[in-house]
Amino acid sequence: MLAERVKEWTREWEQQGLEKGMQQGLQQGLQQGEAAVLLRQLTRKFGELPPQVRRRIESADAETLLLWSERVLDATTLDDVLDPQH
């Protein structure tokens, strides 16, 4: 009886682990896609981006990327997009 319960717990934990891993993978994929689009927008608008700007964008979270993507529409400089004071 106990052995069956342990097997059931193990299956539940494995399922939870798979679901968590899939969710993390999905979030990471979305973040990477958002970063790629923003990089393309900024490069088209401002030209070649400095490596530190590319790294900053690639490491930003999804919420920050969304904010920057909105700012790019009205920005006249790269700082208008990435500067937290804007």
Protein backbone atom coordinates (compact mmCIF):
# COMPACT_ATOMS: atom_id res chain seq x y z
CA MET A 1 0.00 0.00 0.00
CA LEU A 2 2.76 2.43 0.94
CA ALA A 3 4.76 1.48 -2.16
CA GLU A 4 1.76 2.30 -4.37
CA ARG A 5 1.33 5.66 -2.67
CA VAL A 6 5.03 6.47 -3.15
CA LYS A 7 4.72 5.65 -6.85
CA GLU A 8 1.66 7.91 -7.11
CA TRP A 9 3.50 10.78 -5.41
CA THR A 10 6.46 10.27 -7.71
CA ARG A 11 4.22 10.48 -10.79
CA GLU A 12 2.57 13.65 -9.42
CA TRP A 13 5.95 15.28 -8.75
CA GLU A 14 7.21 14.34 -12.19
CA GLN A 15 4.09 15.81 -13.79
CA GLN A 16 4.44 19.01 -11.77
CA GLY A 17 8.09 19.24 -12.79
CA LEU A 18 7.24 18.78 -16.46
CA GLU A 19 4.52 21.43 -16.30
CA LYS A 20 6.83 23.88 -14.55
CA GLY A 21 9.59 23.24 -17.07
CA MET A 22 7.22 23.75 -19.99
CA GLN A 23 5.95 27.01 -18.52
CA GLN A 24 9.48 28.29 -17.96
CA GLY A 25 10.43 27.32 -21.51
CA LEU A 26 7.41 29.11 -22.92
CA GLN A 27 8.16 32.27 -20.94
CA GLN A 28 11.80 32.20 -22.02
CA GLY A 29 10.79 31.75 -25.65
CA LEU A 30 8.38 34.68 -25.48
CA GLN A 31 11.03 36.89 -23.87
CA GLN A 32 13.54 35.99 -26.56
CA GLY A 33 11.00 36.74 -29.28
CA GLU A 34 10.12 40.11 -27.76
CA ALA A 35 13.82 40.97 -27.47
CA ALA A 36 14.42 40.02 -31.11
CA VAL A 37 11.59 42.24 -32.34
CA LEU A 38 12.77 45.20 -30.25
CA LEU A 39 16.34 44.77 -31.49
CA ARG A 40 15.08 44.86 -35.08
CA GLN A 41 12.96 47.94 -34.42
CA LEU A 42 15.79 49.81 -32.74
CA THR A 43 18.33 48.84 -35.39
CA ARG A 44 16.02 50.00 -38.14
CA LYS A 45 15.30 53.30 -36.40
CA PHE A 46 18.74 54.14 -34.95
CA GLY A 47 21.22 52.01 -36.89
CA GLU A 48 23.70 49.49 -35.52
CA LEU A 49 23.32 49.09 -31.75
CA PRO A 50 26.26 49.04 -29.32
CA PRO A 51 26.98 45.59 -27.85
CA GLN A 52 26.07 46.73 -24.32
CA VAL A 53 22.63 47.84 -25.54
CA ARG A 54 22.08 44.48 -27.24
CA ARG A 55 23.05 42.64 -24.04
CA ARG A 56 20.77 44.86 -21.96
CA ILE A 57 17.82 44.12 -24.22
CA GLU A 58 18.54 40.39 -24.40
CA SER A 59 18.64 40.15 -20.61
CA ALA A 60 15.57 42.31 -19.90
CA ASP A 61 12.36 40.81 -18.56
CA ALA A 62 9.17 40.69 -20.63
CA GLU A 63 7.55 43.66 -18.87
CA THR A 64 10.55 45.90 -19.55
CA LEU A 65 10.70 44.78 -23.17
CA LEU A 66 7.04 45.68 -23.62
CA LEU A 67 7.61 49.13 -22.13
CA TRP A 68 10.60 49.74 -24.41
CA SER A 69 8.66 48.49 -27.43
CA GLU A 70 5.98 51.09 -26.74
CA ARG A 71 8.53 53.86 -26.24
CA VAL A 72 10.24 53.17 -29.57
CA LEU A 73 7.19 54.57 -31.37
CA ASP A 74 7.74 58.12 -30.09
CA ALA A 75 11.48 58.06 -29.43
CA THR A 76 13.93 60.32 -31.21
CA THR A 77 17.00 58.82 -29.53
CA LEU A 78 18.01 55.45 -28.14
CA ASP A 79 18.03 57.00 -24.65
CA ASP A 80 14.36 57.94 -25.11
CA VAL A 81 13.65 54.22 -25.27
CA LEU A 82 16.00 52.77 -22.66
CA ASP A 83 16.40 55.56 -20.09
CA PRO A 84 14.27 54.86 -16.99
CA GLN A 85 13.60 58.60 -16.59
CA HIS A 86 11.43 58.70 -19.73
